[in-house]
Amino acid sequence: MMRHVVQFSGGIGSWVAAQRVAAEHGTDRLTLLFADTLVEDDDLYRFNRDATAQLGVDLTVVCDGRTPFEVFADVRFLGNARIAPCSYWLKQKPCRDWLTAHADPRTTIVYVGIDSSERHRIPGIQRGWAPWRVRFPMAEPPFLTQEQMLQAARALGVRPPRLYEQGYRHNNCGGSCVRAGQRQWLHHLRTHPDRFLRAEHEENRLRAELGDVAILKRRRHGVTRPLPLAELRRRAQAA
């Protein structure tokens, strides 16, 4: 009998993916696998509790034990939109270790909640999870917008994570995702200035050790340079 393992991130896409897997295969052999980065928004954990209760499936939690900035310090590399070591150490590796210990690739399918707009990522994800088979329920019809996914949760009595209501596109790392661009970090400064300042402090600590590096980049006159969060904040406040 097949085991079905959903990479359950706390985002709305992985929630809808879990709903589709449960509708197709039931919940007896369904695992919701969540990798905790230890910097998530408090409401993500509330959402996970409500969502798993609605499905009637316990949440399986894995955790490296470090935060993203602790990983950056350990590997001596500050994550950015292009390369984010935190994704590997805090999400991919703990989940893969769990799969190695508990899930036979011959009788297990892994599900990832990316949607049809991210089809270009599918080959890389499939290679990364080999030898486990990977499916992408949200990249298959019927295709849903994010708002339709949020409405689907509300219709089942599950309140969506508050970061979506606050204008974020993703519910990860409490909004302090190093893969985000300047627009989200400016929004983060307005919405959660305490978290922005915490990230700024951690970035400054790494800059003192690693040199002129930054999460963000700026491009002027054809030249790309690091854009520290402190400078982004000063520019925003001056404006």
C-alpha atoms as a PDB file:
ATOM      1  CA  MET A   1       0.000   0.000   0.000  1.00  0.00           C
ATOM      2  CA  MET A   2       1.320   3.429  -0.967  1.00  0.00           C
ATOM      3  CA  ARG A   3       2.340   6.047   1.596  1.00  0.00           C
ATOM      4  CA  HIS A   4       1.547   9.657   0.689  1.00  0.00           C
ATOM      5  CA  VAL A   5       3.823  12.328   2.189  1.00  0.00           C
ATOM      6  CA  VAL A   6       2.867  15.975   1.731  1.00  0.00           C
ATOM      7  CA  GLN A   7       5.579  18.570   2.272  1.00  0.00           C
ATOM      8  CA  PHE A   8       3.369  20.657   4.562  1.00  0.00           C
ATOM      9  CA  SER A   9       4.950  24.097   4.849  1.00  0.00           C
ATOM     10  CA  GLY A  10       2.177  26.003   6.583  1.00  0.00           C
ATOM     11  CA  GLY A  11       1.499  27.801   3.313  1.00  0.00           C
ATOM     12  CA  ILE A  12      -1.873  27.780   1.610  1.00  0.00           C
ATOM     13  CA  GLY A  13      -0.561  25.903  -1.446  1.00  0.00           C
ATOM     14  CA  SER A  14       0.610  22.925   0.588  1.00  0.00           C
ATOM     15  CA  TRP A  15      -2.710  22.943   2.470  1.00  0.00           C
ATOM     16  CA  VAL A  16      -4.720  22.658  -0.756  1.00  0.00           C
ATOM     17  CA  ALA A  17      -2.285  20.014  -1.999  1.00  0.00           C
ATOM     18  CA  ALA A  18      -2.976  18.006   1.169  1.00  0.00           C
ATOM     19  CA  GLN A  19      -6.718  18.378   0.592  1.00  0.00           C
ATOM     20  CA  ARG A  20      -6.382  16.984  -2.921  1.00  0.00           C
ATOM     21  CA  VAL A  21      -4.218  14.075  -1.811  1.00  0.00           C
ATOM     22  CA  ALA A  22      -6.674  13.245   0.980  1.00  0.00           C
ATOM     23  CA  ALA A  23      -9.620  13.389  -1.426  1.00  0.00           C
ATOM     24  CA  GLU A  24      -7.882  11.038  -3.876  1.00  0.00           C
ATOM     25  CA  HIS A  25      -6.229   8.577  -1.493  1.00  0.00           C
ATOM     26  CA  GLY A  26      -7.833   9.026   1.916  1.00  0.00           C
ATOM     27  CA  THR A  27      -5.959   9.778   5.120  1.00  0.00           C
ATOM     28  CA  ASP A  28      -4.996   6.346   6.465  1.00  0.00           C
ATOM     29  CA  ARG A  29      -1.562   6.487   4.803  1.00  0.00           C
ATOM     30  CA  LEU A  30      -1.237  10.271   4.663  1.00  0.00           C
ATOM     31  CA  THR A  31       1.700  12.052   6.341  1.00  0.00           C
ATOM     32  CA  LEU A  32       1.884  15.824   6.684  1.00  0.00           C
ATOM     33  CA  LEU A  33       5.597  16.582   7.045  1.00  0.00           C
ATOM     34  CA  PHE A  34       6.489  20.019   8.417  1.00  0.00           C
ATOM     35  CA  ALA A  35      10.049  21.362   8.750  1.00  0.00           C
ATOM     36  CA  ASP A  36      10.229  23.994  11.491  1.00  0.00           C
ATOM     37  CA  THR A  37      12.756  26.801  10.904  1.00  0.00           C
ATOM     38  CA  LEU A  38      12.124  28.209  14.415  1.00  0.00           C
ATOM     39  CA  VAL A  39      11.417  31.692  12.989  1.00  0.00           C
ATOM     40  CA  GLU A  40       7.888  31.180  11.709  1.00  0.00           C
ATOM     41  CA  ASP A  41       5.017  33.522  12.461  1.00  0.00           C
ATOM     42  CA  ASP A  42       3.106  32.362  15.549  1.00  0.00           C
ATOM     43  CA  ASP A  43      -0.059  32.137  13.473  1.00  0.00           C
ATOM     44  CA  LEU A  44       1.540  29.554  11.156  1.00  0.00           C
ATOM     45  CA  TYR A  45       1.554  27.088  14.046  1.00  0.00           C
ATOM     46  CA  ARG A  46      -2.091  27.916  14.803  1.00  0.00           C
ATOM     47  CA  PHE A  47      -2.956  27.325  11.150  1.00  0.00           C
ATOM     48  CA  ASN A  48      -1.119  24.004  11.151  1.00  0.00           C
ATOM     49  CA  ARG A  49      -3.064  22.872  14.214  1.00  0.00           C
ATOM     50  CA  ASP A  50      -6.404  23.881  12.701  1.00  0.00           C
ATOM     51  CA  ALA A  51      -5.575  22.423   9.290  1.00  0.00           C
ATOM     52  CA  THR A  52      -4.420  19.056  10.588  1.00  0.00           C
ATOM     53  CA  ALA A  53      -7.410  18.825  12.927  1.00  0.00           C
ATOM     54  CA  GLN A  54      -9.736  19.453   9.985  1.00  0.00           C
ATOM     55  CA  LEU A  55      -8.045  16.661   8.017  1.00  0.00           C
ATOM     56  CA  GLY A  56      -7.857  14.350  11.020  1.00  0.00           C
ATOM     57  CA  VAL A  57      -4.128  13.726  10.488  1.00  0.00           C
ATOM     58  CA  ASP A  58      -1.386  14.376  13.041  1.00  0.00           C
ATOM     59  CA  LEU A  59       1.389  16.726  11.991  1.00  0.00           C
ATOM     60  CA  THR A  60       4.851  15.170  11.680  1.00  0.00           C
ATOM     61  CA  VAL A  61       7.456  17.784  12.638  1.00  0.00           C
ATOM     62  CA  VAL A  62      11.166  17.727  11.838  1.00  0.00           C
ATOM     63  CA  CYS A  63      13.615  20.394  12.981  1.00  0.00           C
ATOM     64  CA  ASP A  64      17.330  20.988  12.480  1.00  0.00           C
ATOM     65  CA  GLY A  65      17.468  23.070  15.673  1.00  0.00           C
ATOM     66  CA  ARG A  66      18.974  26.184  14.072  1.00  0.00           C
ATOM     67  CA  THR A  67      17.500  29.382  12.682  1.00  0.00           C
ATOM     68  CA  PRO A  68      18.336  30.639   9.179  1.00  0.00           C
ATOM     69  CA  PHE A  69      20.886  33.174  10.424  1.00  0.00           C
ATOM     70  CA  GLU A  70      22.532  30.518  12.580  1.00  0.00           C
ATOM     71  CA  VAL A  71      22.902  28.408   9.440  1.00  0.00           C
ATOM     72  CA  PHE A  72      24.392  31.366   7.561  1.00  0.00           C
ATOM     73  CA  ALA A  73      26.932  31.853  10.349  1.00  0.00           C
ATOM     74  CA  ASP A  74      27.830  28.159  10.382  1.00  0.00           C
ATOM     75  CA  VAL A  75      28.309  27.868   6.618  1.00  0.00           C
ATOM     76  CA  ARG A  76      29.811  31.368   6.401  1.00  0.00           C
ATOM     77  CA  PHE A  77      27.472  32.456   3.629  1.00  0.00           C
ATOM     78  CA  LEU A  78      24.642  34.993   3.818  1.00  0.00           C
ATOM     79  CA  GLY A  79      21.573  33.674   2.029  1.00  0.00           C
ATOM     80  CA  ASN A  80      19.965  35.690  -0.751  1.00  0.00           C
ATOM     81  CA  ALA A  81      17.403  35.353  -3.515  1.00  0.00           C
ATOM     82  CA  ARG A  82      19.770  33.262  -5.632  1.00  0.00           C
ATOM     83  CA  ILE A  83      21.319  30.953  -3.026  1.00  0.00           C
ATOM     84  CA  ALA A  84      19.647  30.175   0.299  1.00  0.00           C
ATOM     85  CA  PRO A  85      21.517  27.538   2.358  1.00  0.00           C
ATOM     86  CA  CYS A  86      18.726  27.675   4.934  1.00  0.00           C
ATOM     87  CA  SER A  87      16.372  25.885   2.531  1.00  0.00           C
ATOM     88  CA  TYR A  88      18.696  22.900   2.347  1.00  0.00           C
ATOM     89  CA  TRP A  89      19.724  22.652   5.993  1.00  0.00           C
ATOM     90  CA  LEU A  90      16.413  23.555   7.636  1.00  0.00           C
ATOM     91  CA  LYS A  91      13.876  22.068   5.222  1.00  0.00           C
ATOM     92  CA  GLN A  92      15.228  19.710   2.591  1.00  0.00           C
ATOM     93  CA  LYS A  93      17.735  17.772   4.682  1.00  0.00           C
ATOM     94  CA  PRO A  94      15.503  17.200   7.758  1.00  0.00           C
ATOM     95  CA  CYS A  95      12.655  16.048   5.503  1.00  0.00           C
ATOM     96  CA  ARG A  96      14.939  13.796   3.487  1.00  0.00           C
ATOM     97  CA  ASP A  97      16.376  12.309   6.689  1.00  0.00           C
ATOM     98  CA  TRP A  98      12.832  11.545   7.821  1.00  0.00           C
ATOM     99  CA  LEU A  99      11.991   9.943   4.484  1.00  0.00           C
ATOM    100  CA  THR A 100      15.151   7.822   4.626  1.00  0.00           C
ATOM    101  CA  ALA A 101      14.192   6.568   8.080  1.00  0.00           C
ATOM    102  CA  HIS A 102      10.469   6.056   7.544  1.00  0.00           C
ATOM    103  CA  ALA A 103       9.473   5.875   3.867  1.00  0.00           C
ATOM    104  CA  ASP A 104      10.450   3.267   1.282  1.00  0.00           C
ATOM    105  CA  PRO A 105      10.921   4.967  -2.114  1.00  0.00           C
ATOM    106  CA  ARG A 106       9.225   1.981  -3.778  1.00  0.00           C
ATOM    107  CA  THR A 107       5.975   2.558  -1.877  1.00  0.00           C
ATOM    108  CA  THR A 108       6.027   6.315  -1.207  1.00  0.00           C
ATOM    109  CA  ILE A 109       4.939   9.363  -3.163  1.00  0.00           C
ATOM    110  CA  VAL A 110       6.059  12.836  -2.053  1.00  0.00           C
ATOM    111  CA  TYR A 111       3.814  15.823  -2.789  1.00  0.00           C
ATOM    112  CA  VAL A 112       4.955  19.443  -3.143  1.00  0.00           C
ATOM    113  CA  GLY A 113       2.509  22.351  -3.211  1.00  0.00           C
ATOM    114  CA  ILE A 114       3.950  24.581  -5.938  1.00  0.00           C
ATOM    115  CA  ASP A 115       1.404  25.788  -8.487  1.00  0.00           C
ATOM    116  CA  SER A 116       1.284  25.999 -12.267  1.00  0.00           C
ATOM    117  CA  SER A 117       3.179  29.315 -12.311  1.00  0.00           C
ATOM    118  CA  GLU A 118       6.233  27.474 -10.969  1.00  0.00           C
ATOM    119  CA  ARG A 119       6.349  24.588 -13.431  1.00  0.00           C
ATOM    120  CA  HIS A 120       9.945  25.478 -14.291  1.00  0.00           C
ATOM    121  CA  ARG A 121      10.952  24.269 -10.811  1.00  0.00           C
ATOM    122  CA  ILE A 122       9.490  20.788 -11.232  1.00  0.00           C
ATOM    123  CA  PRO A 123      12.478  19.012 -12.905  1.00  0.00           C
ATOM    124  CA  GLY A 124      14.892  20.294 -10.265  1.00  0.00           C
ATOM    125  CA  ILE A 125      12.597  19.295  -7.406  1.00  0.00           C
ATOM    126  CA  GLN A 126      12.135  15.832  -8.886  1.00  0.00           C
ATOM    127  CA  ARG A 127      15.896  15.375  -9.183  1.00  0.00           C
ATOM    128  CA  GLY A 128      16.387  16.656  -5.662  1.00  0.00           C
ATOM    129  CA  TRP A 129      13.949  14.174  -4.097  1.00  0.00           C
ATOM    130  CA  ALA A 130      15.058  11.120  -6.099  1.00  0.00           C
ATOM    131  CA  PRO A 131      14.670   8.182  -5.575  1.00  0.00           C
ATOM    132  CA  TRP A 132      11.248   9.166  -4.180  1.00  0.00           C
ATOM    133  CA  ARG A 133       8.569   9.960  -6.716  1.00  0.00           C
ATOM    134  CA  VAL A 134       7.197  13.494  -6.550  1.00  0.00           C
ATOM    135  CA  ARG A 135       3.814  14.852  -7.594  1.00  0.00           C
ATOM    136  CA  PHE A 136       2.579  18.439  -7.750  1.00  0.00           C
ATOM    137  CA  PRO A 137      -1.186  18.529  -7.165  1.00  0.00           C
ATOM    138  CA  MET A 138      -1.463  22.317  -7.503  1.00  0.00           C
ATOM    139  CA  ALA A 139       0.314  22.287 -10.873  1.00  0.00           C
ATOM    140  CA  GLU A 140      -2.524  20.126 -12.212  1.00  0.00           C
ATOM    141  CA  PRO A 141      -6.065  21.276 -13.070  1.00  0.00           C
ATOM    142  CA  PRO A 142      -8.241  22.661 -11.700  1.00  0.00           C
ATOM    143  CA  PHE A 143      -5.836  25.560 -11.316  1.00  0.00           C
ATOM    144  CA  LEU A 144      -6.563  27.939  -8.440  1.00  0.00           C
ATOM    145  CA  THR A 145      -5.477  31.463  -7.656  1.00  0.00           C
ATOM    146  CA  GLN A 146      -4.126  32.135  -4.208  1.00  0.00           C
ATOM    147  CA  GLU A 147      -7.342  33.925  -3.280  1.00  0.00           C
ATOM    148  CA  GLN A 148      -9.373  30.888  -4.354  1.00  0.00           C
ATOM    149  CA  MET A 149      -7.175  28.707  -2.121  1.00  0.00           C
ATOM    150  CA  LEU A 150      -7.717  31.054   0.811  1.00  0.00           C
ATOM    151  CA  GLN A 151     -11.465  31.019   0.184  1.00  0.00           C
ATOM    152  CA  ALA A 152     -11.417  27.213   0.095  1.00  0.00           C
ATOM    153  CA  ALA A 153      -9.846  27.170   3.559  1.00  0.00           C
ATOM    154  CA  ARG A 154     -12.424  29.585   4.927  1.00  0.00           C
ATOM    155  CA  ALA A 155     -15.228  27.494   3.428  1.00  0.00           C
ATOM    156  CA  LEU A 156     -14.037  24.521   5.494  1.00  0.00           C
ATOM    157  CA  GLY A 157     -13.823  26.590   8.661  1.00  0.00           C
ATOM    158  CA  VAL A 158     -10.020  26.948   8.606  1.00  0.00           C
ATOM    159  CA  ARG A 159      -8.823  30.534   9.049  1.00  0.00           C
ATOM    160  CA  PRO A 160      -5.896  31.219   6.689  1.00  0.00           C
ATOM    161  CA  PRO A 161      -2.527  32.315   8.071  1.00  0.00           C
ATOM    162  CA  ARG A 162      -2.483  36.000   8.933  1.00  0.00           C
ATOM    163  CA  LEU A 163       0.574  36.845   6.827  1.00  0.00           C
ATOM    164  CA  TYR A 164      -1.595  36.528   3.724  1.00  0.00           C
ATOM    165  CA  GLU A 165      -4.078  38.991   5.220  1.00  0.00           C
ATOM    166  CA  GLN A 166      -1.143  41.313   5.916  1.00  0.00           C
ATOM    167  CA  GLY A 167      -0.160  41.384   2.263  1.00  0.00           C
ATOM    168  CA  TYR A 168       2.571  38.744   2.058  1.00  0.00           C
ATOM    169  CA  ARG A 169       2.645  36.301  -0.849  1.00  0.00           C
ATOM    170  CA  HIS A 170       4.089  33.482   1.248  1.00  0.00           C
ATOM    171  CA  ASN A 171       3.735  32.275   4.830  1.00  0.00           C
ATOM    172  CA  ASN A 172       7.326  31.384   5.615  1.00  0.00           C
ATOM    173  CA  CYS A 173      10.020  32.537   8.055  1.00  0.00           C
ATOM    174  CA  GLY A 174       7.661  35.067   9.599  1.00  0.00           C
ATOM    175  CA  GLY A 175       8.017  37.255   6.507  1.00  0.00           C
ATOM    176  CA  SER A 176      11.818  37.518   6.871  1.00  0.00           C
ATOM    177  CA  CYS A 177      12.627  35.284   3.914  1.00  0.00           C
ATOM    178  CA  VAL A 178      16.013  35.947   2.319  1.00  0.00           C
ATOM    179  CA  ARG A 179      14.578  34.927  -1.052  1.00  0.00           C
ATOM    180  CA  ALA A 180      12.230  37.934  -0.980  1.00  0.00           C
ATOM    181  CA  GLY A 181      13.017  41.092  -2.902  1.00  0.00           C
ATOM    182  CA  GLN A 182      13.154  44.752  -1.929  1.00  0.00           C
ATOM    183  CA  ARG A 183       9.389  45.172  -2.230  1.00  0.00           C
ATOM    184  CA  GLN A 184       8.632  42.543   0.404  1.00  0.00           C
ATOM    185  CA  TRP A 185      11.380  43.764   2.719  1.00  0.00           C
ATOM    186  CA  LEU A 186       9.959  47.306   2.546  1.00  0.00           C
ATOM    187  CA  HIS A 187       6.530  45.878   3.283  1.00  0.00           C
ATOM    188  CA  HIS A 188       8.099  43.914   6.144  1.00  0.00           C
ATOM    189  CA  LEU A 189       9.585  47.117   7.544  1.00  0.00           C
ATOM    190  CA  ARG A 190       6.121  48.700   7.617  1.00  0.00           C
ATOM    191  CA  THR A 191       4.239  45.632   8.857  1.00  0.00           C
ATOM    192  CA  HIS A 192       6.675  43.979  11.269  1.00  0.00           C
ATOM    193  CA  PRO A 193       9.413  46.523  11.997  1.00  0.00           C
ATOM    194  CA  ASP A 194      10.648  44.463  14.956  1.00  0.00           C
ATOM    195  CA  ARG A 195      11.338  41.484  12.689  1.00  0.00           C
ATOM    196  CA  PHE A 196      12.964  43.703  10.082  1.00  0.00           C
ATOM    197  CA  LEU A 197      15.279  45.197  12.696  1.00  0.00           C
ATOM    198  CA  ARG A 198      16.137  41.734  14.019  1.00  0.00           C
ATOM    199  CA  ALA A 199      17.090  40.618  10.508  1.00  0.00           C
ATOM    200  CA  GLU A 200      19.038  43.844  10.012  1.00  0.00           C
ATOM    201  CA  HIS A 201      20.963  43.188  13.230  1.00  0.00           C
ATOM    202  CA  GLU A 202      21.773  39.613  12.193  1.00  0.00           C
ATOM    203  CA  GLU A 203      22.831  40.748   8.730  1.00  0.00           C
ATOM    204  CA  ASN A 204      25.136  43.378  10.257  1.00  0.00           C
ATOM    205  CA  ARG A 205      26.769  40.723  12.444  1.00  0.00           C
ATOM    206  CA  LEU A 206      27.497  38.593   9.388  1.00  0.00           C
ATOM    207  CA  ARG A 207      28.745  41.580   7.400  1.00  0.00           C
ATOM    208  CA  ALA A 208      31.258  42.227  10.172  1.00  0.00           C
ATOM    209  CA  GLU A 209      32.562  38.677   9.699  1.00  0.00           C
ATOM    210  CA  LEU A 210      32.156  38.094   5.967  1.00  0.00           C
ATOM    211  CA  GLY A 211      32.675  41.534   4.423  1.00  0.00           C
ATOM    212  CA  ASP A 212      30.473  43.515   2.041  1.00  0.00           C
ATOM    213  CA  VAL A 213      27.656  40.992   1.642  1.00  0.00           C
ATOM    214  CA  ALA A 214      23.905  41.501   1.919  1.00  0.00           C
ATOM    215  CA  ILE A 215      20.607  39.715   1.466  1.00  0.00           C
ATOM    216  CA  LEU A 216      19.524  42.217  -1.181  1.00  0.00           C
ATOM    217  CA  LYS A 217      21.197  43.675  -4.276  1.00  0.00           C
ATOM    218  CA  ARG A 218      20.965  47.054  -5.977  1.00  0.00           C
ATOM    219  CA  ARG A 219      21.825  47.866  -9.576  1.00  0.00           C
ATOM    220  CA  ARG A 220      22.926  51.305 -10.715  1.00  0.00           C
ATOM    221  CA  HIS A 221      24.574  52.270 -14.002  1.00  0.00           C
ATOM    222  CA  GLY A 222      24.922  48.620 -14.940  1.00  0.00           C
ATOM    223  CA  VAL A 223      26.758  47.726 -11.734  1.00  0.00           C
ATOM    224  CA  THR A 224      25.274  45.357  -9.116  1.00  0.00           C
ATOM    225  CA  ARG A 225      26.226  45.879  -5.492  1.00  0.00           C
ATOM    226  CA  PRO A 226      25.043  44.563  -2.104  1.00  0.00           C
ATOM    227  CA  LEU A 227      22.160  46.510  -0.518  1.00  0.00           C
ATOM    228  CA  PRO A 228      22.218  46.062   3.274  1.00  0.00           C
ATOM    229  CA  LEU A 229      18.899  46.101   5.095  1.00  0.00           C
ATOM    230  CA  ALA A 230      20.125  49.054   7.169  1.00  0.00           C
ATOM    231  CA  GLU A 231      20.596  51.112   3.999  1.00  0.00           C
ATOM    232  CA  LEU A 232      17.212  50.027   2.625  1.00  0.00           C
ATOM    233  CA  ARG A 233      15.612  51.128   5.909  1.00  0.00           C
ATOM    234  CA  ARG A 234      17.385  54.506   5.915  1.00  0.00           C
ATOM    235  CA  ARG A 235      16.315  55.165   2.340  1.00  0.00           C
ATOM    236  CA  ALA A 236      12.713  54.269   3.149  1.00  0.00           C
ATOM    237  CA  GLN A 237      12.673  56.457   6.249  1.00  0.00           C
ATOM    238  CA  ALA A 238      14.231  59.365   4.384  1.00  0.00           C
ATOM    239  CA  ALA A 239      11.606  59.077   1.669  1.00  0.00           C
END
